[in-house]
Amino acid sequence: MKTVYGLFIDTGSAEEMFWDRGVWATSEACEAYINQVMGHVTGIRIGELKINDAFPAAADEEDGMITCSLCGIDYNEADVNVLDYEEPVCVNCEPEYRQSLDMA
């Protein structure tokens, strides 16, 4: 059994996990994600999950990862736009980045 960490929120009737945000190997990595990406959201906590699956080695995760030039987070190649801008911009930063280009 492995322990991973995910994001949870209390919806009033139950506690739900943000499955689409992923899981992290350490609570510190999860905390860093909350501070960098979801700092404006309240009511989120870090929760432990026990899994049976083998967790991929960190070296395997680095293959094909691209760092967003704005937020500094590593993403899969599919989640970063490297064609339309001079620097790589992730899907989370792209709307605000595009708006800043339109204002200039």
C-alpha atoms as a PDB file:
ATOM      1  CA  MET A   1       0.000   0.000   0.000  1.00  0.00           C
ATOM      2  CA  LYS A   2       1.206   3.481  -0.877  1.00  0.00           C
ATOM      3  CA  THR A   3       0.046   6.756   0.589  1.00  0.00           C
ATOM      4  CA  VAL A   4      -0.586   9.668  -1.751  1.00  0.00           C
ATOM      5  CA  TYR A   5      -2.161  13.049  -1.058  1.00  0.00           C
ATOM      6  CA  GLY A   6      -5.075  14.789  -2.739  1.00  0.00           C
ATOM      7  CA  LEU A   7      -7.243  17.876  -2.396  1.00  0.00           C
ATOM      8  CA  PHE A   8     -10.534  17.631  -0.518  1.00  0.00           C
ATOM      9  CA  ILE A   9     -13.401  20.047   0.106  1.00  0.00           C
ATOM     10  CA  ASP A  10     -16.390  19.796   2.426  1.00  0.00           C
ATOM     11  CA  THR A  11     -19.530  20.249   0.335  1.00  0.00           C
ATOM     12  CA  GLY A  12     -21.867  20.304   3.314  1.00  0.00           C
ATOM     13  CA  SER A  13     -23.331  16.840   2.889  1.00  0.00           C
ATOM     14  CA  ALA A  14     -20.045  15.030   2.303  1.00  0.00           C
ATOM     15  CA  GLU A  15     -16.359  15.508   1.796  1.00  0.00           C
ATOM     16  CA  GLU A  16     -15.343  15.268  -1.853  1.00  0.00           C
ATOM     17  CA  MET A  17     -11.980  14.949  -3.546  1.00  0.00           C
ATOM     18  CA  PHE A  18     -10.884  17.051  -6.505  1.00  0.00           C
ATOM     19  CA  TRP A  19      -9.992  14.041  -8.688  1.00  0.00           C
ATOM     20  CA  ASP A  20      -9.240  16.160 -11.743  1.00  0.00           C
ATOM     21  CA  ARG A  21      -6.426  17.988  -9.888  1.00  0.00           C
ATOM     22  CA  GLY A  22      -4.423  14.784  -9.403  1.00  0.00           C
ATOM     23  CA  VAL A  23      -2.509  13.314  -6.473  1.00  0.00           C
ATOM     24  CA  TRP A  24       0.936  14.022  -5.024  1.00  0.00           C
ATOM     25  CA  ALA A  25       3.575  11.779  -3.455  1.00  0.00           C
ATOM     26  CA  THR A  26       4.112  14.145  -0.516  1.00  0.00           C
ATOM     27  CA  SER A  27       1.885  16.502   1.425  1.00  0.00           C
ATOM     28  CA  GLU A  28       4.486  19.255   0.888  1.00  0.00           C
ATOM     29  CA  ALA A  29       4.109  18.970  -2.900  1.00  0.00           C
ATOM     30  CA  CYS A  30       0.341  19.119  -2.522  1.00  0.00           C
ATOM     31  CA  GLU A  31       0.642  22.181  -0.280  1.00  0.00           C
ATOM     32  CA  ALA A  32       2.886  23.880  -2.855  1.00  0.00           C
ATOM     33  CA  TYR A  33       0.276  23.246  -5.559  1.00  0.00           C
ATOM     34  CA  ILE A  34      -2.454  24.775  -3.385  1.00  0.00           C
ATOM     35  CA  ASN A  35      -0.347  27.879  -2.756  1.00  0.00           C
ATOM     36  CA  GLN A  36       0.669  28.342  -6.407  1.00  0.00           C
ATOM     37  CA  VAL A  37      -2.503  27.459  -8.275  1.00  0.00           C
ATOM     38  CA  MET A  38      -5.421  27.566  -5.855  1.00  0.00           C
ATOM     39  CA  GLY A  39      -4.336  30.248  -3.390  1.00  0.00           C
ATOM     40  CA  HIS A  40      -7.583  32.201  -3.830  1.00  0.00           C
ATOM     41  CA  VAL A  41      -9.828  29.205  -3.006  1.00  0.00           C
ATOM     42  CA  THR A  42     -10.831  28.602   0.618  1.00  0.00           C
ATOM     43  CA  GLY A  43     -12.021  25.442   2.342  1.00  0.00           C
ATOM     44  CA  ILE A  44      -9.568  23.075   0.662  1.00  0.00           C
ATOM     45  CA  ARG A  45      -7.612  20.601   2.754  1.00  0.00           C
ATOM     46  CA  ILE A  46      -5.024  17.919   2.046  1.00  0.00           C
ATOM     47  CA  GLY A  47      -6.126  14.331   2.597  1.00  0.00           C
ATOM     48  CA  GLU A  48      -4.337  10.982   2.555  1.00  0.00           C
ATOM     49  CA  LEU A  49      -5.294   8.243   0.127  1.00  0.00           C
ATOM     50  CA  LYS A  50      -4.131   4.619   0.324  1.00  0.00           C
ATOM     51  CA  ILE A  51      -3.551   3.007  -3.076  1.00  0.00           C
ATOM     52  CA  ASN A  52      -2.506  -0.472  -4.189  1.00  0.00           C
ATOM     53  CA  ASP A  53      -1.062   0.577  -7.540  1.00  0.00           C
ATOM     54  CA  ALA A  54       2.647   1.047  -7.962  1.00  0.00           C
ATOM     55  CA  PHE A  55       3.535   4.727  -7.930  1.00  0.00           C
ATOM     56  CA  PRO A  56       5.723   5.593 -10.964  1.00  0.00           C
ATOM     57  CA  ALA A  57       9.299   6.576 -10.267  1.00  0.00           C
ATOM     58  CA  ALA A  58      10.069  10.287 -10.328  1.00  0.00           C
ATOM     59  CA  ALA A  59      12.472   9.801 -13.243  1.00  0.00           C
ATOM     60  CA  ASP A  60       9.646   8.365 -15.363  1.00  0.00           C
ATOM     61  CA  GLU A  61       7.418  11.362 -14.644  1.00  0.00           C
ATOM     62  CA  GLU A  62      10.032  13.826 -15.886  1.00  0.00           C
ATOM     63  CA  ASP A  63       9.941  12.426 -19.431  1.00  0.00           C
ATOM     64  CA  GLY A  64       7.919  14.744 -21.644  1.00  0.00           C
ATOM     65  CA  MET A  65       7.286  17.361 -18.976  1.00  0.00           C
ATOM     66  CA  ILE A  66       7.414  21.079 -19.834  1.00  0.00           C
ATOM     67  CA  THR A  67       7.680  23.895 -17.301  1.00  0.00           C
ATOM     68  CA  CYS A  68       5.239  26.779 -17.683  1.00  0.00           C
ATOM     69  CA  SER A  69       7.138  30.049 -17.991  1.00  0.00           C
ATOM     70  CA  LEU A  70       4.539  31.888 -15.888  1.00  0.00           C
ATOM     71  CA  CYS A  71       3.733  29.643 -12.908  1.00  0.00           C
ATOM     72  CA  GLY A  72       6.833  27.405 -12.997  1.00  0.00           C
ATOM     73  CA  ILE A  73       4.862  24.139 -12.676  1.00  0.00           C
ATOM     74  CA  ASP A  74       5.782  21.097 -14.790  1.00  0.00           C
ATOM     75  CA  TYR A  75       2.991  19.848 -17.068  1.00  0.00           C
ATOM     76  CA  ASN A  76       2.555  17.147 -19.688  1.00  0.00           C
ATOM     77  CA  GLU A  77       3.284  18.333 -23.207  1.00  0.00           C
ATOM     78  CA  ALA A  78      -0.439  18.306 -24.039  1.00  0.00           C
ATOM     79  CA  ASP A  79      -1.187  20.823 -21.268  1.00  0.00           C
ATOM     80  CA  VAL A  80       1.305  23.471 -22.425  1.00  0.00           C
ATOM     81  CA  ASN A  81       0.935  25.756 -25.443  1.00  0.00           C
ATOM     82  CA  VAL A  82       4.351  26.085 -27.076  1.00  0.00           C
ATOM     83  CA  LEU A  83       3.141  26.986 -30.563  1.00  0.00           C
ATOM     84  CA  ASP A  84       1.208  30.244 -30.143  1.00  0.00           C
ATOM     85  CA  TYR A  85       3.558  32.090 -27.769  1.00  0.00           C
ATOM     86  CA  GLU A  86       7.279  32.758 -27.497  1.00  0.00           C
ATOM     87  CA  GLU A  87       7.486  30.893 -24.175  1.00  0.00           C
ATOM     88  CA  PRO A  88       5.595  27.818 -22.910  1.00  0.00           C
ATOM     89  CA  VAL A  89       2.269  28.718 -21.247  1.00  0.00           C
ATOM     90  CA  CYS A  90       0.132  26.134 -19.413  1.00  0.00           C
ATOM     91  CA  VAL A  91      -3.638  25.797 -19.831  1.00  0.00           C
ATOM     92  CA  ASN A  92      -4.190  27.314 -16.354  1.00  0.00           C
ATOM     93  CA  CYS A  93      -2.209  30.497 -17.129  1.00  0.00           C
ATOM     94  CA  GLU A  94      -3.209  30.846 -20.783  1.00  0.00           C
ATOM     95  CA  PRO A  95      -6.516  32.779 -20.408  1.00  0.00           C
ATOM     96  CA  GLU A  96      -4.925  35.482 -18.243  1.00  0.00           C
ATOM     97  CA  TYR A  97      -1.805  35.574 -20.436  1.00  0.00           C
ATOM     98  CA  ARG A  98      -3.894  35.927 -23.593  1.00  0.00           C
ATOM     99  CA  GLN A  99      -5.899  38.741 -21.968  1.00  0.00           C
ATOM    100  CA  SER A 100      -2.685  40.575 -21.053  1.00  0.00           C
ATOM    101  CA  LEU A 101      -1.506  40.322 -24.684  1.00  0.00           C
ATOM    102  CA  ASP A 102      -4.832  41.729 -25.931  1.00  0.00           C
ATOM    103  CA  MET A 103      -4.500  44.713 -23.585  1.00  0.00           C
ATOM    104  CA  ALA A 104      -1.001  45.552 -24.792  1.00  0.00           C
END
